């Protein structure tokens, strides 16, 4: 287990960090129900989330703006300068089952 701050009853998966290891980008299920049986008849796609490192753990967990209940967004990879996030998704408009996409960081956030 990597961190109890980021662990849920569902899936946490591929992750990457910024160069200072102060921000993590990670894959997890979008809906974090209290019991796995609560999701049996619902689709629970994957999304990418970020969190910030503190002295006591990971805080400020935020979803990526591209996450959707209609498709998966997963497998983040960050460029060495931290300005480009590459990820896979099966969102509409792609070329196959899952395709690679990227987004560019704008500003200081």
PDB file of N, CA and C in Angstrom:
ATOM      1  N   UNK A   1       0.840  -1.168   0.000  1.00  0.00           N
ATOM      2  CA  UNK A   1       0.000   0.000   0.000  1.00  0.00           C
ATOM      3  C   UNK A   1       0.896   1.245   0.000  1.00  0.00           C
ATOM      4  N   UNK A   2       0.593   2.187  -0.863  1.00  0.00           N
ATOM      5  CA  UNK A   2       1.396   3.397  -0.988  1.00  0.00           C
ATOM      6  C   UNK A   2       1.086   4.389   0.128  1.00  0.00           C
ATOM      7  N   UNK A   3      -0.199   4.742   0.273  1.00  0.00           N
ATOM      8  CA  UNK A   3      -0.585   5.719   1.279  1.00  0.00           C
ATOM      9  C   UNK A   3      -2.050   5.521   1.647  1.00  0.00           C
ATOM     10  N   UNK A   4      -2.332   5.505   2.926  1.00  0.00           N
ATOM     11  CA  UNK A   4      -3.727   5.384   3.367  1.00  0.00           C
ATOM     12  C   UNK A   4      -4.533   6.616   2.970  1.00  0.00           C
ATOM     13  N   UNK A   5      -3.876   7.750   2.765  1.00  0.00           N
ATOM     14  CA  UNK A   5      -4.571   8.972   2.344  1.00  0.00           C
ATOM     15  C   UNK A   5      -5.216   8.812   0.974  1.00  0.00           C
ATOM     16  N   UNK A   6      -4.662   7.945   0.145  1.00  0.00           N
ATOM     17  CA  UNK A   6      -5.129   7.792  -1.230  1.00  0.00           C
ATOM     18  C   UNK A   6      -5.858   6.474  -1.475  1.00  0.00           C
ATOM     19  N   UNK A   7      -5.990   5.653  -0.468  1.00  0.00           N
ATOM     20  CA  UNK A   7      -6.558   4.318  -0.624  1.00  0.00           C
ATOM     21  C   UNK A   7      -8.056   4.322  -0.375  1.00  0.00           C
ATOM     22  N   UNK A   8      -8.790   3.624  -1.245  1.00  0.00           N
ATOM     23  CA  UNK A   8     -10.245   3.475  -1.117  1.00  0.00           C
ATOM     24  C   UNK A   8     -10.585   1.993  -1.248  1.00  0.00           C
ATOM     25  N   UNK A   9     -11.860   1.621  -1.056  1.00  0.00           N
ATOM     26  CA  UNK A   9     -12.244   0.215  -1.254  1.00  0.00           C
ATOM     27  C   UNK A   9     -12.207  -0.218  -2.721  1.00  0.00           C
ATOM     28  N   UNK A  10     -12.010   0.721  -3.628  1.00  0.00           N
ATOM     29  CA  UNK A  10     -12.022   0.401  -5.046  1.00  0.00           C
ATOM     30  C   UNK A  10     -10.606   0.419  -5.618  1.00  0.00           C
ATOM     31  N   UNK A  11     -10.438   0.927  -6.814  1.00  0.00           N
ATOM     32  CA  UNK A  11      -9.163   0.825  -7.515  1.00  0.00           C
ATOM     33  C   UNK A  11      -8.369   2.126  -7.484  1.00  0.00           C
ATOM     34  N   UNK A  12      -7.136   2.029  -7.055  1.00  0.00           N
ATOM     35  CA  UNK A  12      -6.143   3.070  -7.281  1.00  0.00           C
ATOM     36  C   UNK A  12      -5.076   2.416  -8.131  1.00  0.00           C
ATOM     37  N   UNK A  13      -4.620   3.126  -9.146  1.00  0.00           N
ATOM     38  CA  UNK A  13      -3.715   2.480 -10.075  1.00  0.00           C
ATOM     39  C   UNK A  13      -2.542   3.333 -10.445  1.00  0.00           C
ATOM     40  N   UNK A  14      -2.178   3.296 -11.717  1.00  0.00           N
ATOM     41  CA  UNK A  14      -0.977   3.979 -12.184  1.00  0.00           C
ATOM     42  C   UNK A  14      -0.898   5.428 -11.687  1.00  0.00           C
ATOM     43  N   UNK A  15       0.318   5.815 -11.341  1.00  0.00           N
ATOM     44  CA  UNK A  15       0.547   7.151 -10.805  1.00  0.00           C
ATOM     45  C   UNK A  15       1.867   7.700 -11.308  1.00  0.00           C
ATOM     46  N   UNK A  16       2.000   9.014 -11.228  1.00  0.00           N
ATOM     47  CA  UNK A  16       3.271   9.678 -11.524  1.00  0.00           C
ATOM     48  C   UNK A  16       3.372  10.901 -10.619  1.00  0.00           C
ATOM     49  N   UNK A  17       4.568  11.461 -10.538  1.00  0.00           N
ATOM     50  CA  UNK A  17       4.835  12.583  -9.642  1.00  0.00           C
ATOM     51  C   UNK A  17       5.479  13.727 -10.410  1.00  0.00           C
ATOM     52  N   UNK A  18       5.312  14.948  -9.878  1.00  0.00           N
ATOM     53  CA  UNK A  18       6.088  16.056 -10.432  1.00  0.00           C
ATOM     54  C   UNK A  18       7.540  15.884  -9.987  1.00  0.00           C
ATOM     55  N   UNK A  19       8.437  16.703 -10.507  1.00  0.00           N
ATOM     56  CA  UNK A  19       9.875  16.513 -10.254  1.00  0.00           C
ATOM     57  C   UNK A  19      10.247  16.684  -8.786  1.00  0.00           C
ATOM     58  N   UNK A  20       9.487  17.452  -8.031  1.00  0.00           N
ATOM     59  CA  UNK A  20       9.783  17.638  -6.614  1.00  0.00           C
ATOM     60  C   UNK A  20       9.059  16.654  -5.709  1.00  0.00           C
ATOM     61  N   UNK A  21       8.321  15.743  -6.291  1.00  0.00           N
ATOM     62  CA  UNK A  21       7.525  14.753  -5.560  1.00  0.00           C
ATOM     63  C   UNK A  21       6.544  15.408  -4.592  1.00  0.00           C
ATOM     64  N   UNK A  22       6.066  16.604  -4.956  1.00  0.00           N
ATOM     65  CA  UNK A  22       5.090  17.304  -4.118  1.00  0.00           C
ATOM     66  C   UNK A  22       3.667  17.157  -4.639  1.00  0.00           C
ATOM     67  N   UNK A  23       3.522  16.691  -5.867  1.00  0.00           N
ATOM     68  CA  UNK A  23       2.209  16.447  -6.461  1.00  0.00           C
ATOM     69  C   UNK A  23       2.197  15.063  -7.078  1.00  0.00           C
ATOM     70  N   UNK A  24       1.132  14.333  -6.825  1.00  0.00           N
ATOM     71  CA  UNK A  24       0.929  13.025  -7.439  1.00  0.00           C
ATOM     72  C   UNK A  24      -0.282  13.118  -8.360  1.00  0.00           C
ATOM     73  N   UNK A  25      -0.188  12.453  -9.498  1.00  0.00           N
ATOM     74  CA  UNK A  25      -1.298  12.268 -10.428  1.00  0.00           C
ATOM     75  C   UNK A  25      -1.565  10.766 -10.431  1.00  0.00           C
ATOM     76  N   UNK A  26      -2.794  10.350 -10.124  1.00  0.00           N
ATOM     77  CA  UNK A  26      -3.059   8.922 -10.007  1.00  0.00           C
ATOM     78  C   UNK A  26      -4.440   8.558 -10.533  1.00  0.00           C
ATOM     79  N   UNK A  27      -4.583   7.304 -10.906  1.00  0.00           N
ATOM     80  CA  UNK A  27      -5.832   6.765 -11.432  1.00  0.00           C
ATOM     81  C   UNK A  27      -6.622   6.145 -10.289  1.00  0.00           C
ATOM     82  N   UNK A  28      -7.935   6.415 -10.276  1.00  0.00           N
ATOM     83  CA  UNK A  28      -8.832   5.758  -9.318  1.00  0.00           C
ATOM     84  C   UNK A  28     -10.252   5.776  -9.878  1.00  0.00           C
ATOM     85  N   UNK A  29     -11.111   4.975  -9.281  1.00  0.00           N
ATOM     86  CA  UNK A  29     -12.526   5.010  -9.661  1.00  0.00           C
ATOM     87  C   UNK A  29     -13.122   6.361  -9.291  1.00  0.00           C
ATOM     88  N   UNK A  30     -14.078   6.804 -10.106  1.00  0.00           N
ATOM     89  CA  UNK A  30     -14.686   8.113  -9.886  1.00  0.00           C
ATOM     90  C   UNK A  30     -15.580   8.155  -8.657  1.00  0.00           C
ATOM     91  N   UNK A  31     -16.328   7.081  -8.424  1.00  0.00           N
ATOM     92  CA  UNK A  31     -17.297   7.077  -7.329  1.00  0.00           C
ATOM     93  C   UNK A  31     -16.804   6.174  -6.218  1.00  0.00           C
ATOM     94  N   UNK A  32     -16.707   6.728  -5.044  1.00  0.00           N
ATOM     95  CA  UNK A  32     -16.148   6.010  -3.914  1.00  0.00           C
ATOM     96  C   UNK A  32     -17.255   5.661  -2.920  1.00  0.00           C
ATOM     97  N   UNK A  33     -18.081   4.710  -3.296  1.00  0.00           N
ATOM     98  CA  UNK A  33     -19.158   4.271  -2.440  1.00  0.00           C
ATOM     99  C   UNK A  33     -18.580   3.589  -1.206  1.00  0.00           C
ATOM    100  N   UNK A  34     -19.358   3.530  -0.144  1.00  0.00           N
ATOM    101  CA  UNK A  34     -18.853   2.937   1.085  1.00  0.00           C
ATOM    102  C   UNK A  34     -18.753   1.421   1.009  1.00  0.00           C
ATOM    103  N   UNK A  35     -19.569   0.796   0.181  1.00  0.00           N
ATOM    104  CA  UNK A  35     -19.553  -0.662   0.070  1.00  0.00           C
ATOM    105  C   UNK A  35     -19.502  -1.059  -1.395  1.00  0.00           C
ATOM    106  N   UNK A  36     -18.646  -2.009  -1.752  1.00  0.00           N
ATOM    107  CA  UNK A  36     -18.576  -2.446  -3.157  1.00  0.00           C
ATOM    108  C   UNK A  36     -19.918  -2.903  -3.715  1.00  0.00           C
ATOM    109  N   UNK A  37     -20.806  -3.465  -2.888  1.00  0.00           N
ATOM    110  CA  UNK A  37     -22.105  -3.922  -3.395  1.00  0.00           C
ATOM    111  C   UNK A  37     -22.973  -2.757  -3.888  1.00  0.00           C
ATOM    112  N   UNK A  38     -22.697  -1.528  -3.413  1.00  0.00           N
ATOM    113  CA  UNK A  38     -23.470  -0.358  -3.837  1.00  0.00           C
ATOM    114  C   UNK A  38     -23.258  -0.016  -5.304  1.00  0.00           C
ATOM    115  N   UNK A  39     -22.254  -0.587  -5.928  1.00  0.00           N
ATOM    116  CA  UNK A  39     -21.930  -0.243  -7.309  1.00  0.00           C
ATOM    117  C   UNK A  39     -22.258  -1.357  -8.291  1.00  0.00           C
ATOM    118  N   UNK A  40     -22.813  -2.457  -7.832  1.00  0.00           N
ATOM    119  CA  UNK A  40     -23.047  -3.624  -8.672  1.00  0.00           C
ATOM    120  C   UNK A  40     -23.772  -3.301  -9.975  1.00  0.00           C
ATOM    121  N   UNK A  41     -24.743  -2.430  -9.946  1.00  0.00           N
ATOM    122  CA  UNK A  41     -25.522  -2.124 -11.151  1.00  0.00           C
ATOM    123  C   UNK A  41     -25.204  -0.752 -11.729  1.00  0.00           C
ATOM    124  N   UNK A  42     -24.094  -0.184 -11.328  1.00  0.00           N
ATOM    125  CA  UNK A  42     -23.693   1.135 -11.819  1.00  0.00           C
ATOM    126  C   UNK A  42     -22.313   1.041 -12.436  1.00  0.00           C
ATOM    127  N   UNK A  43     -22.067   1.870 -13.435  1.00  0.00           N
ATOM    128  CA  UNK A  43     -20.745   1.923 -14.043  1.00  0.00           C
ATOM    129  C   UNK A  43     -19.882   2.874 -13.218  1.00  0.00           C
ATOM    130  N   UNK A  44     -18.687   2.466 -12.899  1.00  0.00           N
ATOM    131  CA  UNK A  44     -17.789   3.284 -12.091  1.00  0.00           C
ATOM    132  C   UNK A  44     -16.481   3.462 -12.845  1.00  0.00           C
ATOM    133  N   UNK A  45     -16.483   4.393 -13.785  1.00  0.00           N
ATOM    134  CA  UNK A  45     -15.314   4.626 -14.629  1.00  0.00           C
ATOM    135  C   UNK A  45     -14.121   5.105 -13.819  1.00  0.00           C
ATOM    136  N   UNK A  46     -12.971   5.029 -14.478  1.00  0.00           N
ATOM    137  CA  UNK A  46     -11.729   5.508 -13.890  1.00  0.00           C
ATOM    138  C   UNK A  46     -11.492   6.964 -14.264  1.00  0.00           C
ATOM    139  N   UNK A  47     -10.815   7.674 -13.391  1.00  0.00           N
ATOM    140  CA  UNK A  47     -10.431   9.049 -13.644  1.00  0.00           C
ATOM    141  C   UNK A  47      -9.048   9.307 -13.076  1.00  0.00           C
ATOM    142  N   UNK A  48      -8.502  10.458 -13.403  1.00  0.00           N
ATOM    143  CA  UNK A  48      -7.206  10.870 -12.858  1.00  0.00           C
ATOM    144  C   UNK A  48      -7.456  11.934 -11.803  1.00  0.00           C
ATOM    145  N   UNK A  49      -6.739  11.808 -10.705  1.00  0.00           N
ATOM    146  CA  UNK A  49      -6.836  12.738  -9.594  1.00  0.00           C
ATOM    147  C   UNK A  49      -5.444  13.241  -9.245  1.00  0.00           C
ATOM    148  N   UNK A  50      -5.389  14.394  -8.602  1.00  0.00           N
ATOM    149  CA  UNK A  50      -4.124  14.926  -8.098  1.00  0.00           C
ATOM    150  C   UNK A  50      -4.231  15.073  -6.586  1.00  0.00           C
ATOM    151  N   UNK A  51      -3.099  15.055  -5.935  1.00  0.00           N
ATOM    152  CA  UNK A  51      -3.026  15.319  -4.503  1.00  0.00           C
ATOM    153  C   UNK A  51      -1.694  16.012  -4.224  1.00  0.00           C
ATOM    154  N   UNK A  52      -1.653  16.738  -3.121  1.00  0.00           N
ATOM    155  CA  UNK A  52      -0.479  17.502  -2.740  1.00  0.00           C
ATOM    156  C   UNK A  52       0.163  16.894  -1.500  1.00  0.00           C
ATOM    157  N   UNK A  53       1.476  16.781  -1.508  1.00  0.00           N
ATOM    158  CA  UNK A  53       2.210  16.227  -0.372  1.00  0.00           C
ATOM    159  C   UNK A  53       2.363  17.278   0.724  1.00  0.00           C
ATOM    160  N   UNK A  54       2.181  16.817   1.959  1.00  0.00           N
ATOM    161  CA  UNK A  54       2.456  17.642   3.131  1.00  0.00           C
ATOM    162  C   UNK A  54       3.359  16.824   4.053  1.00  0.00           C
ATOM    163  N   UNK A  55       3.734  17.400   5.170  1.00  0.00           N
ATOM    164  CA  UNK A  55       4.568  16.675   6.137  1.00  0.00           C
ATOM    165  C   UNK A  55       3.841  15.480   6.737  1.00  0.00           C
ATOM    166  N   UNK A  56       2.513  15.507   6.698  1.00  0.00           N
ATOM    167  CA  UNK A  56       1.737  14.443   7.340  1.00  0.00           C
ATOM    168  C   UNK A  56       1.051  13.497   6.357  1.00  0.00           C
ATOM    169  N   UNK A  57       1.179  13.736   5.059  1.00  0.00           N
ATOM    170  CA  UNK A  57       0.551  12.852   4.080  1.00  0.00           C
ATOM    171  C   UNK A  57       0.118  13.596   2.832  1.00  0.00           C
ATOM    172  N   UNK A  58      -0.872  13.039   2.142  1.00  0.00           N
ATOM    173  CA  UNK A  58      -1.386  13.614   0.895  1.00  0.00           C
ATOM    174  C   UNK A  58      -2.720  14.296   1.161  1.00  0.00           C
ATOM    175  N   UNK A  59      -2.867  15.525   0.658  1.00  0.00           N
ATOM    176  CA  UNK A  59      -4.088  16.302   0.880  1.00  0.00           C
ATOM    177  C   UNK A  59      -4.567  16.908  -0.429  1.00  0.00           C
ATOM    178  N   UNK A  60      -5.687  17.611  -0.353  1.00  0.00           N
ATOM    179  CA  UNK A  60      -6.237  18.357  -1.487  1.00  0.00           C
ATOM    180  C   UNK A  60      -6.413  17.467  -2.725  1.00  0.00           C
ATOM    181  N   UNK A  61      -7.067  16.331  -2.566  1.00  0.00           N
ATOM    182  CA  UNK A  61      -7.314  15.416  -3.681  1.00  0.00           C
ATOM    183  C   UNK A  61      -8.351  16.057  -4.611  1.00  0.00           C
ATOM    184  N   UNK A  62      -7.973  16.224  -5.878  1.00  0.00           N
ATOM    185  CA  UNK A  62      -8.813  16.896  -6.860  1.00  0.00           C
ATOM    186  C   UNK A  62      -8.929  16.064  -8.140  1.00  0.00           C
ATOM    187  N   UNK A  63     -10.112  16.027  -8.756  1.00  0.00           N
ATOM    188  CA  UNK A  63     -10.252  15.306 -10.025  1.00  0.00           C
ATOM    189  C   UNK A  63      -9.708  16.121 -11.194  1.00  0.00           C
ATOM    190  N   UNK A  64      -9.218  15.432 -12.215  1.00  0.00           N
ATOM    191  CA  UNK A  64      -8.816  16.080 -13.461  1.00  0.00           C
ATOM    192  C   UNK A  64     -10.081  16.543 -14.184  1.00  0.00           C
ATOM    193  N   UNK A  65     -10.026  17.680 -14.818  1.00  0.00           N
ATOM    194  CA  UNK A  65     -11.202  18.250 -15.482  1.00  0.00           C
ATOM    195  C   UNK A  65     -11.761  17.350 -16.585  1.00  0.00           C
ATOM    196  N   UNK A  66     -10.948  16.463 -17.138  1.00  0.00           N
ATOM    197  CA  UNK A  66     -11.396  15.601 -18.236  1.00  0.00           C
ATOM    198  C   UNK A  66     -12.130  14.346 -17.769  1.00  0.00           C
ATOM    199  N   UNK A  67     -12.162  14.075 -16.467  1.00  0.00           N
ATOM    200  CA  UNK A  67     -12.865  12.898 -15.957  1.00  0.00           C
ATOM    201  C   UNK A  67     -14.340  12.959 -16.332  1.00  0.00           C
ATOM    202  N   UNK A  68     -14.931  11.784 -16.574  1.00  0.00           N
ATOM    203  CA  UNK A  68     -16.339  11.730 -16.978  1.00  0.00           C
ATOM    204  C   UNK A  68     -16.971  10.412 -16.555  1.00  0.00           C
ATOM    205  N   UNK A  69     -18.248  10.454 -16.238  1.00  0.00           N
ATOM    206  CA  UNK A  69     -19.013   9.236 -15.981  1.00  0.00           C
ATOM    207  C   UNK A  69     -19.224   8.428 -17.255  1.00  0.00           C
ATOM    208  N   UNK A  70     -18.975   9.023 -18.415  1.00  0.00           N
ATOM    209  CA  UNK A  70     -19.255   8.375 -19.697  1.00  0.00           C
ATOM    210  C   UNK A  70     -18.062   7.618 -20.283  1.00  0.00           C
ATOM    211  N   UNK A  71     -16.859   7.814 -19.760  1.00  0.00           N
ATOM    212  CA  UNK A  71     -15.669   7.135 -20.288  1.00  0.00           C
ATOM    213  C   UNK A  71     -14.561   7.142 -19.239  1.00  0.00           C
ATOM    214  N   UNK A  72     -13.523   6.361 -19.488  1.00  0.00           N
ATOM    215  CA  UNK A  72     -12.375   6.261 -18.591  1.00  0.00           C
ATOM    216  C   UNK A  72     -11.285   7.255 -18.974  1.00  0.00           C
ATOM    217  N   UNK A  73     -10.618   7.785 -17.973  1.00  0.00           N
ATOM    218  CA  UNK A  73      -9.430   8.618 -18.122  1.00  0.00           C
ATOM    219  C   UNK A  73      -8.422   8.030 -17.137  1.00  0.00           C
ATOM    220  N   UNK A  74      -7.254   7.586 -17.628  1.00  0.00           N
ATOM    221  CA  UNK A  74      -6.372   6.823 -16.748  1.00  0.00           C
ATOM    222  C   UNK A  74      -4.917   6.896 -17.198  1.00  0.00           C
ATOM    223  N   UNK A  75      -4.053   6.258 -16.448  1.00  0.00           N
ATOM    224  CA  UNK A  75      -2.635   6.063 -16.766  1.00  0.00           C
ATOM    225  C   UNK A  75      -1.890   7.374 -17.020  1.00  0.00           C
ATOM    226  N   UNK A  76      -1.829   8.267 -16.021  1.00  0.00           N
ATOM    227  CA  UNK A  76      -1.152   9.548 -16.226  1.00  0.00           C
ATOM    228  C   UNK A  76       0.361   9.397 -16.342  1.00  0.00           C
ATOM    229  N   UNK A  77       0.950  10.267 -17.137  1.00  0.00           N
ATOM    230  CA  UNK A  77       2.395  10.370 -17.257  1.00  0.00           C
ATOM    231  C   UNK A  77       2.723  11.852 -17.435  1.00  0.00           C
ATOM    232  N   UNK A  78       3.659  12.348 -16.659  1.00  0.00           N
ATOM    233  CA  UNK A  78       3.989  13.769 -16.668  1.00  0.00           C
ATOM    234  C   UNK A  78       5.344  13.991 -17.323  1.00  0.00           C
ATOM    235  N   UNK A  79       5.429  14.989 -18.192  1.00  0.00           N
ATOM    236  CA  UNK A  79       6.715  15.312 -18.826  1.00  0.00           C
ATOM    237  C   UNK A  79       7.710  15.771 -17.757  1.00  0.00           C
ATOM    238  N   UNK A  80       8.986  15.695 -18.073  1.00  0.00           N
ATOM    239  CA  UNK A  80      10.023  16.033 -17.094  1.00  0.00           C
ATOM    240  C   UNK A  80       9.944  17.490 -16.629  1.00  0.00           C
ATOM    241  N   UNK A  81       9.439  18.392 -17.471  1.00  0.00           N
ATOM    242  CA  UNK A  81       9.304  19.788 -17.047  1.00  0.00           C
ATOM    243  C   UNK A  81       7.971  20.064 -16.353  1.00  0.00           C
ATOM    244  N   UNK A  82       7.105  19.048 -16.263  1.00  0.00           N
ATOM    245  CA  UNK A  82       5.830  19.177 -15.563  1.00  0.00           C
ATOM    246  C   UNK A  82       4.767  19.949 -16.304  1.00  0.00           C
ATOM    247  N   UNK A  83       4.994  20.251 -17.567  1.00  0.00           N
ATOM    248  CA  UNK A  83       4.046  21.074 -18.316  1.00  0.00           C
ATOM    249  C   UNK A  83       3.092  20.284 -19.205  1.00  0.00           C
ATOM    250  N   UNK A  84       3.326  18.988 -19.348  1.00  0.00           N
ATOM    251  CA  UNK A  84       2.513  18.168 -20.243  1.00  0.00           C
ATOM    252  C   UNK A  84       2.087  16.905 -19.509  1.00  0.00           C
ATOM    253  N   UNK A  85       0.776  16.677 -19.420  1.00  0.00           N
ATOM    254  CA  UNK A  85       0.251  15.459 -18.825  1.00  0.00           C
ATOM    255  C   UNK A  85      -0.320  14.601 -19.947  1.00  0.00           C
ATOM    256  N   UNK A  86       0.210  13.411 -20.091  1.00  0.00           N
ATOM    257  CA  UNK A  86      -0.241  12.463 -21.117  1.00  0.00           C
ATOM    258  C   UNK A  86      -1.055  11.399 -20.396  1.00  0.00           C
ATOM    259  N   UNK A  87      -2.184  10.984 -20.994  1.00  0.00           N
ATOM    260  CA  UNK A  87      -3.044   9.992 -20.367  1.00  0.00           C
ATOM    261  C   UNK A  87      -3.775   9.191 -21.437  1.00  0.00           C
ATOM    262  N   UNK A  88      -4.357   8.078 -21.032  1.00  0.00           N
ATOM    263  CA  UNK A  88      -5.151   7.277 -21.963  1.00  0.00           C
ATOM    264  C   UNK A  88      -6.625   7.471 -21.648  1.00  0.00           C
ATOM    265  N   UNK A  89      -7.457   7.311 -22.684  1.00  0.00           N
ATOM    266  CA  UNK A  89      -8.897   7.429 -22.496  1.00  0.00           C
ATOM    267  C   UNK A  89      -9.622   6.726 -23.630  1.00  0.00           C
ATOM    268  N   UNK A  90     -10.808   6.241 -23.301  1.00  0.00           N
ATOM    269  CA  UNK A  90     -11.695   5.682 -24.322  1.00  0.00           C
ATOM    270  C   UNK A  90     -12.829   6.660 -24.636  1.00  0.00           C
ATOM    271  N   UNK A  91     -12.559   7.958 -24.480  1.00  0.00           N
ATOM    272  CA  UNK A  91     -13.574   8.986 -24.755  1.00  0.00           C
ATOM    273  C   UNK A  91     -13.958   8.970 -26.233  1.00  0.00           C
ATOM    274  N   UNK A  92     -15.168   9.419 -26.537  1.00  0.00           N
ATOM    275  CA  UNK A  92     -15.613   9.472 -27.932  1.00  0.00           C
ATOM    276  C   UNK A  92     -14.685  10.331 -28.787  1.00  0.00           C
ATOM    277  N   UNK A  93     -14.582   9.978 -30.060  1.00  0.00           N
ATOM    278  CA  UNK A  93     -13.785  10.745 -31.005  1.00  0.00           C
ATOM    279  C   UNK A  93     -12.381  10.220 -31.191  1.00  0.00           C
ATOM    280  N   UNK A  94     -12.046   9.128 -30.532  1.00  0.00           N
ATOM    281  CA  UNK A  94     -10.711   8.565 -30.655  1.00  0.00           C
ATOM    282  C   UNK A  94     -10.594   7.639 -31.848  1.00  0.00           C
ATOM    283  N   UNK A  95      -9.470   6.941 -31.930  1.00  0.00           N
ATOM    284  CA  UNK A  95      -9.194   6.064 -33.061  1.00  0.00           C
ATOM    285  C   UNK A  95      -9.371   4.591 -32.744  1.00  0.00           C
ATOM    286  N   UNK A  96      -9.501   4.247 -31.464  1.00  0.00           N
ATOM    287  CA  UNK A  96      -9.612   2.841 -31.090  1.00  0.00           C
ATOM    288  C   UNK A  96     -10.236   2.708 -29.729  1.00  0.00           C
ATOM    289  N   UNK A  97      -9.989   1.570 -29.057  1.00  0.00           N
ATOM    290  CA  UNK A  97     -10.559   1.350 -27.734  1.00  0.00           C
ATOM    291  C   UNK A  97     -10.126   2.429 -26.761  1.00  0.00           C
ATOM    292  N   UNK A  98      -8.832   2.584 -26.585  1.00  0.00           N
ATOM    293  CA  UNK A  98      -8.270   3.660 -25.765  1.00  0.00           C
ATOM    294  C   UNK A  98      -7.169   4.330 -26.567  1.00  0.00           C
ATOM    295  N   UNK A  99      -7.121   5.627 -26.472  1.00  0.00           N
ATOM    296  CA  UNK A  99      -6.133   6.417 -27.201  1.00  0.00           C
ATOM    297  C   UNK A  99      -5.367   7.282 -26.217  1.00  0.00           C
ATOM    298  N   UNK A 100      -4.229   7.812 -26.664  1.00  0.00           N
ATOM    299  CA  UNK A 100      -3.448   8.724 -25.843  1.00  0.00           C
ATOM    300  C   UNK A 100      -3.857  10.157 -26.117  1.00  0.00           C
ATOM    301  N   UNK A 101      -3.940  10.932 -25.050  1.00  0.00           N
ATOM    302  CA  UNK A 101      -4.287  12.350 -25.111  1.00  0.00           C
ATOM    303  C   UNK A 101      -3.277  13.106 -24.258  1.00  0.00           C
ATOM    304  N   UNK A 102      -3.247  14.420 -24.407  1.00  0.00           N
ATOM    305  CA  UNK A 102      -2.398  15.214 -23.531  1.00  0.00           C
ATOM    306  C   UNK A 102      -3.065  16.533 -23.235  1.00  0.00           C
ATOM    307  N   UNK A 103      -2.659  17.131 -22.148  1.00  0.00           N
ATOM    308  CA  UNK A 103      -3.097  18.486 -21.822  1.00  0.00           C
ATOM    309  C   UNK A 103      -1.866  19.249 -21.353  1.00  0.00           C
ATOM    310  N   UNK A 104      -1.853  20.562 -21.637  1.00  0.00           N
ATOM    311  CA  UNK A 104      -0.729  21.422 -21.277  1.00  0.00           C
ATOM    312  C   UNK A 104      -1.084  22.260 -20.074  1.00  0.00           C
ATOM    313  N   UNK A 105      -0.121  22.384 -19.170  1.00  0.00           N
ATOM    314  CA  UNK A 105      -0.303  23.223 -17.993  1.00  0.00           C
ATOM    315  C   UNK A 105      -0.211  24.680 -18.407  1.00  0.00           C
ATOM    316  N   UNK A 106      -1.167  25.456 -17.916  1.00  0.00           N
ATOM    317  CA  UNK A 106      -1.161  26.897 -18.199  1.00  0.00           C
ATOM    318  C   UNK A 106      -1.139  27.648 -16.875  1.00  0.00           C
ATOM    319  N   UNK A 107      -0.308  28.632 -16.762  1.00  0.00           N
ATOM    320  CA  UNK A 107      -0.197  29.382 -15.526  1.00  0.00           C
ATOM    321  C   UNK A 107       0.606  28.621 -14.490  1.00  0.00           C
ATOM    322  N   UNK A 108       0.486  29.058 -13.239  1.00  0.00           N
ATOM    323  CA  UNK A 108       1.285  28.460 -12.168  1.00  0.00           C
ATOM    324  C   UNK A 108       0.552  27.329 -11.455  1.00  0.00           C
ATOM    325  N   UNK A 109      -0.730  27.125 -11.722  1.00  0.00           N
ATOM    326  CA  UNK A 109      -1.492  26.062 -11.038  1.00  0.00           C
ATOM    327  C   UNK A 109      -1.667  24.844 -11.908  1.00  0.00           C
TER     328      UNK A 109
END
